[in-house]
């Protein structure tokens, strides 16, 4: 089983990236393969869909999404919504999302926007018939020590446990969907 983890934050000291790295370790500890893609290392401009889809890196990400058993998006929440880079990725990769199992990791500044990812999840379900993992991980800066420094790390035992659970549920759901031919 191969799970693509895509860190959508463009912040140089990204909390969602720290959580993405952690879930990759959890997935691999379960015996599955995980690929971490960090959008900070891709040159994907915010632009119209037609010209953006011709970008080689967009095509690479589309192939990754299309061939993955599942995709976990690690996204920052800005102003009660997933960041523009995450939305842009979905727009540019389009049909690659068809019938994918998708999980979410969210990093936000406050506790009030914990349901913000639902708009994106609904869009993936309705537009691309994605199977959304019914549990996502949401964390604020309190979950990290040395926050926003080069030495930042995930310190919350609760968030680590939720990441472990997300890894388990995602791999189980992707396995079940694949075994009945839905992926």
Protein backbone atom coordinates (compact mmCIF):
# COMPACT_ATOMS: atom_id res chain seq x y z
CA UNK A 1 0.00 0.00 0.00
CA UNK A 2 1.26 3.44 -0.92
CA UNK A 3 -0.03 6.57 0.78
CA UNK A 4 0.82 10.05 -0.49
CA UNK A 5 1.15 12.69 2.20
CA UNK A 6 1.11 16.21 0.78
CA UNK A 7 2.18 19.10 2.97
CA UNK A 8 0.39 22.14 1.53
CA UNK A 9 1.86 24.85 3.73
CA UNK A 10 4.24 27.31 2.13
CA UNK A 11 5.37 28.71 5.50
CA UNK A 12 9.11 28.16 6.08
CA UNK A 13 8.42 26.97 9.65
CA UNK A 14 5.29 24.96 8.97
CA UNK A 15 3.38 23.17 11.72
CA UNK A 16 1.39 21.09 9.24
CA UNK A 17 4.67 19.91 7.68
CA UNK A 18 5.87 18.73 11.11
CA UNK A 19 2.65 16.73 11.48
CA UNK A 20 2.99 15.39 7.92
CA UNK A 21 6.46 14.07 8.72
CA UNK A 22 5.09 12.43 11.85
CA UNK A 23 2.25 10.65 10.05
CA UNK A 24 4.68 9.34 7.42
CA UNK A 25 6.56 7.62 10.26
CA UNK A 26 3.28 6.23 11.63
CA UNK A 27 2.22 4.88 8.21
CA UNK A 28 5.60 3.23 7.70
CA UNK A 29 5.45 1.69 11.19
CA UNK A 30 2.24 -0.03 10.04
CA UNK A 31 4.11 -1.64 7.14
CA UNK A 32 2.82 0.63 4.38
CA UNK A 33 4.78 2.94 2.14
CA UNK A 34 4.37 6.70 2.47
CA UNK A 35 5.66 9.43 0.21
CA UNK A 36 5.93 12.95 1.60
CA UNK A 37 5.48 15.76 -0.90
CA UNK A 38 6.23 19.25 0.40
CA UNK A 39 4.65 21.96 -1.77
CA UNK A 40 7.38 24.37 -0.65
CA UNK A 41 9.66 22.43 -3.01
CA UNK A 42 7.36 22.68 -6.02
CA UNK A 43 7.05 25.61 -8.39
CA UNK A 44 3.30 25.78 -8.79
CA UNK A 45 1.93 29.22 -9.40
CA UNK A 46 -1.59 30.28 -8.57
CA UNK A 47 -3.05 30.58 -12.03
CA UNK A 48 -5.75 29.36 -14.33
CA UNK A 49 -6.30 25.64 -14.59
CA UNK A 50 -5.37 25.17 -18.25
CA UNK A 51 -1.87 26.67 -18.12
CA UNK A 52 -1.15 25.23 -14.66
CA UNK A 53 -1.89 21.67 -15.72
CA UNK A 54 0.95 21.83 -18.26
CA UNK A 55 3.45 22.32 -15.43
CA UNK A 56 5.62 19.16 -15.15
CA UNK A 57 5.50 19.27 -11.34
CA UNK A 58 1.70 19.47 -11.40
CA UNK A 59 1.64 16.45 -13.71
CA UNK A 60 3.98 14.60 -11.33
CA UNK A 61 1.69 15.35 -8.37
CA UNK A 62 -1.36 14.30 -10.39
CA UNK A 63 0.28 10.93 -11.14
CA UNK A 64 1.19 10.56 -7.45
CA UNK A 65 -2.40 11.25 -6.37
CA UNK A 66 -3.88 8.99 -9.03
CA UNK A 67 -1.67 6.02 -8.19
CA UNK A 68 -1.76 6.35 -4.40
CA UNK A 69 -3.88 4.02 -2.31
CA UNK A 70 -4.80 7.09 -0.25
CA UNK A 71 -3.84 10.74 0.08
CA UNK A 72 -3.42 12.67 3.31
CA UNK A 73 -3.42 16.44 2.95
CA UNK A 74 -1.61 18.39 5.66
CA UNK A 75 -3.00 21.90 5.41
CA UNK A 76 -2.78 25.11 7.36
CA UNK A 77 -6.07 26.83 8.10
CA UNK A 78 -6.10 30.53 7.29
CA UNK A 79 -9.14 32.67 7.96
CA UNK A 80 -11.39 29.64 8.51
CA UNK A 81 -10.40 27.81 5.32
CA UNK A 82 -7.66 25.63 3.88
CA UNK A 83 -4.82 27.65 2.40
CA UNK A 84 -4.76 28.67 -1.26
CA UNK A 85 -1.96 26.23 -2.12
CA UNK A 86 -4.14 23.24 -1.11
CA UNK A 87 -7.10 24.49 -3.12
CA UNK A 88 -4.83 25.29 -6.08
CA UNK A 89 -3.37 21.76 -5.96
CA UNK A 90 -6.82 20.21 -6.16
CA UNK A 91 -7.89 22.51 -9.01
CA UNK A 92 -4.76 21.77 -11.03
CA UNK A 93 -4.73 18.01 -10.49
CA UNK A 94 -8.49 17.61 -11.00
CA UNK A 95 -9.52 14.14 -12.11
CA UNK A 96 -6.51 12.53 -10.42
CA UNK A 97 -8.62 12.74 -7.25
CA UNK A 98 -11.39 10.49 -8.61
CA UNK A 99 -12.33 7.86 -6.05
CA UNK A 100 -9.32 8.50 -3.80
CA UNK A 101 -9.36 7.88 -0.07
CA UNK A 102 -8.48 11.26 1.47
CA UNK A 103 -7.53 12.17 5.03
CA UNK A 104 -6.77 15.56 6.54
CA UNK A 105 -4.27 17.02 8.98
CA UNK A 106 -4.93 20.65 9.89
CA UNK A 107 -2.80 23.22 11.67
CA UNK A 108 -4.44 26.44 12.77
CA UNK A 109 -3.88 29.47 14.92
CA UNK A 110 -7.01 28.98 16.99
CA UNK A 111 -9.39 26.31 18.18
CA UNK A 112 -12.51 27.86 16.65
CA UNK A 113 -11.83 26.86 13.05
CA UNK A 114 -11.69 23.09 13.58
CA UNK A 115 -14.55 22.48 11.10
CA UNK A 116 -12.99 24.65 8.39
CA UNK A 117 -11.76 21.68 6.37
CA UNK A 118 -15.31 20.44 5.77
CA UNK A 119 -15.82 22.69 2.72
CA UNK A 120 -12.79 21.15 1.04
CA UNK A 121 -13.84 17.62 2.08
CA UNK A 122 -17.35 18.19 0.70
CA UNK A 123 -15.93 19.46 -2.58
CA UNK A 124 -13.71 16.38 -2.94
CA UNK A 125 -16.66 14.09 -2.17
CA UNK A 126 -19.05 15.77 -4.58
CA UNK A 127 -16.71 16.72 -7.43
CA UNK A 128 -14.42 13.68 -7.45
CA UNK A 129 -16.33 11.01 -5.48
CA UNK A 130 -13.53 10.82 -2.91
CA UNK A 131 -13.92 8.70 0.20
CA UNK A 132 -13.16 11.03 3.09
CA UNK A 133 -11.62 9.49 6.20
CA UNK A 134 -14.20 10.34 8.88
CA UNK A 135 -11.57 11.47 11.36
CA UNK A 136 -9.07 14.24 10.86
CA UNK A 137 -6.34 15.72 13.03
CA UNK A 138 -6.51 19.38 14.02
CA UNK A 139 -3.81 21.09 16.07
CA UNK A 140 -2.89 24.58 17.18
CA UNK A 141 0.46 26.02 18.21
CA UNK A 142 -0.02 24.59 21.72
CA UNK A 143 0.80 21.13 20.31
CA UNK A 144 4.37 22.14 19.45
CA UNK A 145 7.47 22.99 21.43
CA UNK A 146 9.93 25.54 20.06
CA UNK A 147 7.04 26.74 17.93
CA UNK A 148 8.00 28.53 14.73
CA UNK A 149 11.72 27.89 15.13
CA UNK A 150 14.09 25.58 13.27
CA UNK A 151 13.90 23.27 16.32
CA UNK A 152 10.08 23.05 16.34
CA UNK A 153 8.67 19.61 17.09
CA UNK A 154 5.34 18.01 17.86
CA UNK A 155 5.13 17.62 21.63
CA UNK A 156 1.45 16.87 22.24
CA UNK A 157 0.88 13.21 23.13
CA UNK A 158 -2.80 13.65 22.23
CA UNK A 159 -2.04 14.93 18.71
CA UNK A 160 0.54 12.17 18.21
CA UNK A 161 -2.08 9.59 19.20
CA UNK A 162 -4.64 11.11 16.80
CA UNK A 163 -2.05 11.00 14.00
CA UNK A 164 -1.42 7.33 14.77
CA UNK A 165 -5.18 6.67 14.63
CA UNK A 166 -5.48 8.57 11.34
CA UNK A 167 -2.66 6.49 9.87
CA UNK A 168 -4.38 3.27 10.97
CA UNK A 169 -7.84 4.25 9.74
CA UNK A 170 -6.51 5.54 6.42
CA UNK A 171 -4.52 2.39 5.68
CA UNK A 172 -7.44 0.16 6.71
CA UNK A 173 -9.96 2.09 4.63
CA UNK A 174 -7.67 2.19 1.57
CA UNK A 175 -7.04 -1.54 1.91
CA UNK A 176 -10.75 -2.32 2.20
CA UNK A 177 -11.67 -0.08 -0.75
CA UNK A 178 -8.96 -1.64 -2.89
CA UNK A 179 -9.96 -5.19 -1.99
CA UNK A 180 -13.50 -4.66 -3.27
CA UNK A 181 -12.30 -2.92 -6.43
CA UNK A 182 -13.44 0.58 -5.58
CA UNK A 183 -9.97 2.10 -6.03
